[in-house]
Amino acid sequence: MRNAWLLFWSVALFAQSTDQALESSRQRIDSIDDRIVTLLNERAQVVREAGLIKKKFHAPASAPGREEQVMRRVSGKAQAPLAPTAVEAIYRSILHEMSAMEAAEMEKESRTR
């Protein structure tokens, strides 16, 4: 029975120590996440502005050449431990969502005129 209590307290102490040790890293991750979301919002605003320019000059919303240019540029900036393929996967999602937002904004703009 004594061994069971000793094991229980050891596990509890280990879990508490782990949480305390991770707290600083978790706070840093939260701070980085906040900056990423701020930058995504800033990027979305610029995409919206680009969409309005495209609309004004009757340019297509999609620019596949530009998307591949972005993919090459950002994957080339990957540094260990983040692999270029991981950056590509992240950016494919970002570009998909930004393109969808831009198309919706351009459509909304068409209806208001």
N, C-alpha and C. Protein backbone atom coordinates (compact mmCIF):
# COMPACT_ATOMS: atom_id res chain seq x y z
N MET A 1 0.83 -1.19 0.00
CA MET A 1 0.00 0.00 0.00
C MET A 1 0.88 1.26 0.00
N ARG A 2 1.95 1.20 0.78
CA ARG A 2 2.85 2.35 0.85
C ARG A 2 3.45 2.63 -0.53
N ASN A 3 3.79 1.58 -1.27
CA ASN A 3 4.34 1.76 -2.61
C ASN A 3 3.33 2.40 -3.54
N ALA A 4 2.05 2.05 -3.38
CA ALA A 4 1.00 2.64 -4.22
C ALA A 4 0.90 4.14 -3.94
N TRP A 5 0.94 4.54 -2.68
CA TRP A 5 0.89 5.96 -2.33
C TRP A 5 2.12 6.70 -2.86
N LEU A 6 3.24 6.08 -2.72
CA LEU A 6 4.48 6.70 -3.19
C LEU A 6 4.42 6.89 -4.71
N LEU A 7 3.91 5.89 -5.42
CA LEU A 7 3.76 5.99 -6.87
C LEU A 7 2.76 7.09 -7.22
N PHE A 8 1.63 7.14 -6.51
CA PHE A 8 0.62 8.16 -6.76
C PHE A 8 1.20 9.56 -6.59
N TRP A 9 1.88 9.81 -5.49
CA TRP A 9 2.45 11.13 -5.23
C TRP A 9 3.57 11.47 -6.22
N SER A 10 4.32 10.48 -6.62
CA SER A 10 5.37 10.72 -7.61
C SER A 10 4.77 11.17 -8.94
N VAL A 11 3.72 10.46 -9.35
CA VAL A 11 3.05 10.82 -10.61
C VAL A 11 2.43 12.21 -10.50
N ALA A 12 1.77 12.50 -9.39
CA ALA A 12 1.14 13.80 -9.19
C ALA A 12 2.19 14.92 -9.20
N LEU A 13 3.30 14.70 -8.54
CA LEU A 13 4.38 15.69 -8.49
C LEU A 13 4.98 15.89 -9.88
N PHE A 14 5.16 14.79 -10.60
CA PHE A 14 5.70 14.88 -11.96
C PHE A 14 4.77 15.68 -12.86
N ALA A 15 3.47 15.41 -12.77
CA ALA A 15 2.49 16.13 -13.60
C ALA A 15 2.50 17.61 -13.28
N GLN A 16 2.58 17.96 -12.01
CA GLN A 16 2.60 19.37 -11.61
C GLN A 16 3.88 20.03 -12.10
N SER A 17 5.02 19.34 -11.96
CA SER A 17 6.29 19.89 -12.43
C SER A 17 6.28 20.09 -13.94
N THR A 18 5.68 19.13 -14.65
CA THR A 18 5.60 19.24 -16.11
C THR A 18 4.77 20.45 -16.50
N ASP A 19 3.61 20.64 -15.87
CA ASP A 19 2.77 21.80 -16.18
C ASP A 19 3.51 23.10 -15.92
N GLN A 20 4.22 23.17 -14.79
CA GLN A 20 4.97 24.38 -14.47
C GLN A 20 6.09 24.61 -15.48
N ALA A 21 6.76 23.55 -15.87
CA ALA A 21 7.85 23.67 -16.83
C ALA A 21 7.33 24.11 -18.20
N LEU A 22 6.14 23.66 -18.55
CA LEU A 22 5.56 24.00 -19.85
C LEU A 22 4.89 25.37 -19.89
N GLU A 23 4.58 25.93 -18.75
CA GLU A 23 3.83 27.19 -18.71
C GLU A 23 4.50 28.30 -19.50
N SER A 24 5.80 28.46 -19.36
CA SER A 24 6.51 29.50 -20.10
C SER A 24 6.41 29.26 -21.61
N SER A 25 6.60 28.02 -22.04
CA SER A 25 6.50 27.70 -23.46
C SER A 25 5.08 27.95 -23.96
N ARG A 26 4.10 27.58 -23.17
CA ARG A 26 2.71 27.79 -23.58
C ARG A 26 2.39 29.27 -23.71
N GLN A 27 2.92 30.07 -22.81
CA GLN A 27 2.70 31.52 -22.90
C GLN A 27 3.36 32.09 -24.16
N ARG A 28 4.55 31.62 -24.47
CA ARG A 28 5.23 32.07 -25.69
C ARG A 28 4.45 31.66 -26.93
N ILE A 29 3.94 30.42 -26.94
CA ILE A 29 3.14 29.94 -28.06
C ILE A 29 1.89 30.80 -28.22
N ASP A 30 1.21 31.12 -27.12
CA ASP A 30 0.02 31.97 -27.18
C ASP A 30 0.35 33.34 -27.76
N SER A 31 1.48 33.89 -27.35
CA SER A 31 1.90 35.19 -27.86
C SER A 31 2.19 35.13 -29.36
N ILE A 32 2.86 34.07 -29.79
CA ILE A 32 3.14 33.90 -31.21
C ILE A 32 1.83 33.72 -31.99
N ASP A 33 0.91 32.92 -31.44
CA ASP A 33 -0.39 32.73 -32.10
C ASP A 33 -1.12 34.06 -32.26
N ASP A 34 -1.06 34.91 -31.25
CA ASP A 34 -1.69 36.23 -31.35
C ASP A 34 -1.09 37.03 -32.49
N ARG A 35 0.24 36.99 -32.64
CA ARG A 35 0.91 37.72 -33.72
C ARG A 35 0.54 37.14 -35.08
N ILE A 36 0.46 35.81 -35.16
CA ILE A 36 0.09 35.17 -36.42
C ILE A 36 -1.30 35.61 -36.85
N VAL A 37 -2.25 35.61 -35.92
CA VAL A 37 -3.62 36.01 -36.26
C VAL A 37 -3.66 37.48 -36.68
N THR A 38 -2.90 38.32 -36.00
CA THR A 38 -2.82 39.73 -36.39
C THR A 38 -2.30 39.86 -37.82
N LEU A 39 -1.26 39.11 -38.14
CA LEU A 39 -0.70 39.15 -39.49
C LEU A 39 -1.65 38.56 -40.53
N LEU A 40 -2.38 37.52 -40.17
CA LEU A 40 -3.37 36.96 -41.09
C LEU A 40 -4.47 37.98 -41.38
N ASN A 41 -4.91 38.68 -40.36
CA ASN A 41 -5.91 39.73 -40.56
C ASN A 41 -5.36 40.85 -41.45
N GLU A 42 -4.11 41.21 -41.24
CA GLU A 42 -3.48 42.24 -42.07
C GLU A 42 -3.38 41.75 -43.52
N ARG A 43 -3.00 40.49 -43.70
CA ARG A 43 -2.91 39.91 -45.04
C ARG A 43 -4.28 39.90 -45.71
N ALA A 44 -5.31 39.54 -44.95
CA ALA A 44 -6.67 39.51 -45.49
C ALA A 44 -7.11 40.89 -45.95
N GLN A 45 -6.74 41.92 -45.21
CA GLN A 45 -7.10 43.28 -45.60
C GLN A 45 -6.43 43.65 -46.93
N VAL A 46 -5.17 43.28 -47.10
CA VAL A 46 -4.47 43.57 -48.35
C VAL A 46 -5.07 42.76 -49.50
N VAL A 47 -5.44 41.50 -49.23
CA VAL A 47 -6.10 40.68 -50.25
C VAL A 47 -7.42 41.32 -50.65
N ARG A 48 -8.15 41.84 -49.70
CA ARG A 48 -9.42 42.53 -50.00
C ARG A 48 -9.16 43.73 -50.91
N GLU A 49 -8.15 44.51 -50.59
CA GLU A 49 -7.80 45.67 -51.40
C GLU A 49 -7.42 45.23 -52.82
N ALA A 50 -6.64 44.16 -52.93
CA ALA A 50 -6.24 43.64 -54.24
C ALA A 50 -7.47 43.19 -55.02
N GLY A 51 -8.42 42.57 -54.34
CA GLY A 51 -9.66 42.14 -54.99
C GLY A 51 -10.44 43.31 -55.56
N LEU A 52 -10.47 44.40 -54.83
CA LEU A 52 -11.17 45.59 -55.33
C LEU A 52 -10.47 46.16 -56.56
N ILE A 53 -9.15 46.11 -56.55
CA ILE A 53 -8.39 46.58 -57.72
C ILE A 53 -8.67 45.66 -58.91
N LYS A 54 -8.67 44.35 -58.67
CA LYS A 54 -8.97 43.40 -59.74
C LYS A 54 -10.37 43.65 -60.30
N LYS A 55 -11.31 43.88 -59.41
CA LYS A 55 -12.69 44.14 -59.82
C LYS A 55 -12.75 45.39 -60.70
N LYS A 56 -12.07 46.42 -60.27
CA LYS A 56 -12.08 47.69 -61.01
C LYS A 56 -11.54 47.53 -62.43
N PHE A 57 -10.51 46.70 -62.58
CA PHE A 57 -9.89 46.52 -63.88
C PHE A 57 -10.33 45.23 -64.58
N HIS A 58 -11.41 44.63 -64.05
CA HIS A 58 -11.98 43.41 -64.64
C HIS A 58 -10.96 42.28 -64.78
N ALA A 59 -10.11 42.16 -63.80
CA ALA A 59 -9.11 41.09 -63.78
C ALA A 59 -9.69 39.89 -63.04
N PRO A 60 -9.25 38.69 -63.38
CA PRO A 60 -9.77 37.51 -62.68
C PRO A 60 -9.32 37.48 -61.22
N ALA A 61 -10.16 36.89 -60.38
CA ALA A 61 -9.83 36.81 -58.95
C ALA A 61 -8.65 35.88 -58.73
N SER A 62 -8.61 34.79 -59.48
CA SER A 62 -7.57 33.78 -59.29
C SER A 62 -6.35 34.10 -60.14
N ALA A 63 -5.18 33.87 -59.57
CA ALA A 63 -3.93 34.06 -60.29
C ALA A 63 -3.00 32.89 -59.96
N PRO A 64 -3.20 31.73 -60.63
CA PRO A 64 -2.42 30.53 -60.29
C PRO A 64 -0.91 30.75 -60.35
N GLY A 65 -0.42 31.52 -61.30
CA GLY A 65 1.01 31.80 -61.36
C GLY A 65 1.51 32.50 -60.11
N ARG A 66 0.71 33.42 -59.64
CA ARG A 66 1.07 34.15 -58.42
C ARG A 66 1.07 33.21 -57.21
N GLU A 67 0.08 32.32 -57.16
CA GLU A 67 0.00 31.38 -56.04
C GLU A 67 1.24 30.50 -55.99
N GLU A 68 1.68 30.00 -57.14
CA GLU A 68 2.88 29.16 -57.17
C GLU A 68 4.13 29.96 -56.81
N GLN A 69 4.17 31.22 -57.21
CA GLN A 69 5.28 32.09 -56.86
C GLN A 69 5.35 32.25 -55.34
N VAL A 70 4.20 32.46 -54.71
CA VAL A 70 4.15 32.58 -53.25
C VAL A 70 4.61 31.28 -52.61
N MET A 71 4.13 30.15 -53.14
CA MET A 71 4.50 28.85 -52.57
C MET A 71 6.01 28.61 -52.63
N ARG A 72 6.62 28.91 -53.76
CA ARG A 72 8.08 28.73 -53.88
C ARG A 72 8.82 29.64 -52.90
N ARG A 73 8.35 30.89 -52.80
CA ARG A 73 9.04 31.85 -51.94
C ARG A 73 8.95 31.43 -50.47
N VAL A 74 7.76 31.09 -50.00
CA VAL A 74 7.61 30.79 -48.57
C VAL A 74 8.21 29.45 -48.20
N SER A 75 8.10 28.46 -49.08
CA SER A 75 8.70 27.16 -48.74
C SER A 75 10.22 27.27 -48.71
N GLY A 76 10.76 28.19 -49.48
CA GLY A 76 12.20 28.43 -49.46
C GLY A 76 12.68 29.09 -48.18
N LYS A 77 11.76 29.64 -47.42
CA LYS A 77 12.11 30.28 -46.16
C LYS A 77 12.00 29.33 -44.96
N ALA A 78 11.56 28.11 -45.21
CA ALA A 78 11.41 27.14 -44.12
C ALA A 78 12.77 26.84 -43.50
N GLN A 79 12.77 26.73 -42.19
CA GLN A 79 13.99 26.38 -41.45
C GLN A 79 13.65 25.28 -40.47
N ALA A 80 14.60 24.38 -40.25
CA ALA A 80 14.40 23.29 -39.29
C ALA A 80 13.99 23.89 -37.95
N PRO A 81 13.06 23.28 -37.30
CA PRO A 81 12.50 21.96 -37.56
C PRO A 81 11.31 21.96 -38.51
N LEU A 82 10.96 23.10 -39.09
CA LEU A 82 9.81 23.18 -39.99
C LEU A 82 10.26 22.87 -41.42
N ALA A 83 9.72 21.83 -42.00
CA ALA A 83 10.10 21.40 -43.34
C ALA A 83 9.39 22.24 -44.40
N PRO A 84 10.01 22.40 -45.56
CA PRO A 84 9.35 23.14 -46.64
C PRO A 84 7.97 22.57 -46.98
N THR A 85 7.81 21.26 -46.91
CA THR A 85 6.50 20.67 -47.20
C THR A 85 5.45 21.09 -46.18
N ALA A 86 5.87 21.29 -44.94
CA ALA A 86 4.94 21.75 -43.90
C ALA A 86 4.51 23.18 -44.19
N VAL A 87 5.47 24.02 -44.57
CA VAL A 87 5.14 25.41 -44.91
C VAL A 87 4.20 25.44 -46.11
N GLU A 88 4.47 24.59 -47.09
CA GLU A 88 3.58 24.52 -48.26
C GLU A 88 2.17 24.13 -47.85
N ALA A 89 2.03 23.15 -46.99
CA ALA A 89 0.70 22.72 -46.55
C ALA A 89 -0.03 23.85 -45.82
N ILE A 90 0.67 24.54 -44.96
CA ILE A 90 0.09 25.66 -44.23
C ILE A 90 -0.34 26.75 -45.21
N TYR A 91 0.52 27.07 -46.15
CA TYR A 91 0.22 28.14 -47.09
C TYR A 91 -0.86 27.75 -48.09
N ARG A 92 -0.96 26.49 -48.45
CA ARG A 92 -2.06 26.08 -49.33
C ARG A 92 -3.39 26.40 -48.65
N SER A 93 -3.46 26.14 -47.36
CA SER A 93 -4.68 26.44 -46.61
C SER A 93 -4.91 27.95 -46.54
N ILE A 94 -3.86 28.70 -46.25
CA ILE A 94 -3.98 30.16 -46.17
C ILE A 94 -4.45 30.72 -47.52
N LEU A 95 -3.80 30.29 -48.59
CA LEU A 95 -4.16 30.81 -49.92
C LEU A 95 -5.58 30.42 -50.30
N HIS A 96 -5.99 29.21 -49.96
CA HIS A 96 -7.36 28.77 -50.24
C HIS A 96 -8.37 29.68 -49.53
N GLU A 97 -8.14 29.90 -48.24
CA GLU A 97 -9.07 30.74 -47.46
C GLU A 97 -9.05 32.18 -47.92
N MET A 98 -7.88 32.71 -48.25
CA MET A 98 -7.79 34.09 -48.72
C MET A 98 -8.48 34.25 -50.07
N SER A 99 -8.30 33.27 -50.96
CA SER A 99 -8.95 33.32 -52.28
C SER A 99 -10.47 33.27 -52.14
N ALA A 100 -10.94 32.41 -51.25
CA ALA A 100 -12.39 32.32 -51.02
C ALA A 100 -12.93 33.64 -50.48
N MET A 101 -12.19 34.24 -49.55
CA MET A 101 -12.62 35.52 -48.99
C MET A 101 -12.62 36.60 -50.07
N GLU A 102 -11.57 36.62 -50.89
CA GLU A 102 -11.47 37.62 -51.96
C GLU A 102 -12.62 37.47 -52.95
N ALA A 103 -12.92 36.24 -53.34
CA ALA A 103 -14.03 36.00 -54.28
C ALA A 103 -15.35 36.46 -53.68
N ALA A 104 -15.56 36.15 -52.40
CA ALA A 104 -16.80 36.57 -51.73
C ALA A 104 -16.88 38.09 -51.66
N GLU A 105 -15.77 38.73 -51.37
CA GLU A 105 -15.75 40.19 -51.29
C GLU A 105 -16.03 40.82 -52.65
N MET A 106 -15.43 40.24 -53.70
CA MET A 106 -15.66 40.77 -55.04
C MET A 106 -17.12 40.58 -55.44
N GLU A 107 -17.71 39.43 -55.10
CA GLU A 107 -19.11 39.18 -55.40
C GLU A 107 -20.02 40.15 -54.64
N LYS A 108 -19.69 40.37 -53.37
CA LYS A 108 -20.48 41.30 -52.55
C LYS A 108 -20.40 42.71 -53.14
N GLU A 109 -19.23 43.09 -53.57
CA GLU A 109 -19.03 44.40 -54.16
C GLU A 109 -19.86 44.55 -55.44
N SER A 110 -19.98 43.46 -56.22
CA SER A 110 -20.77 43.50 -57.46
C SER A 110 -22.24 43.73 -57.16
N ARG A 111 -22.74 43.11 -56.10
CA ARG A 111 -24.16 43.22 -55.76
C ARG A 111 -24.50 44.61 -55.21
N THR A 112 -23.56 45.30 -54.62
CA THR A 112 -23.85 46.60 -54.03
C THR A 112 -23.82 47.71 -55.07
N ARG A 113 -23.38 47.40 -56.25
CA ARG A 113 -23.33 48.46 -57.29
C ARG A 113 -24.56 48.45 -58.13
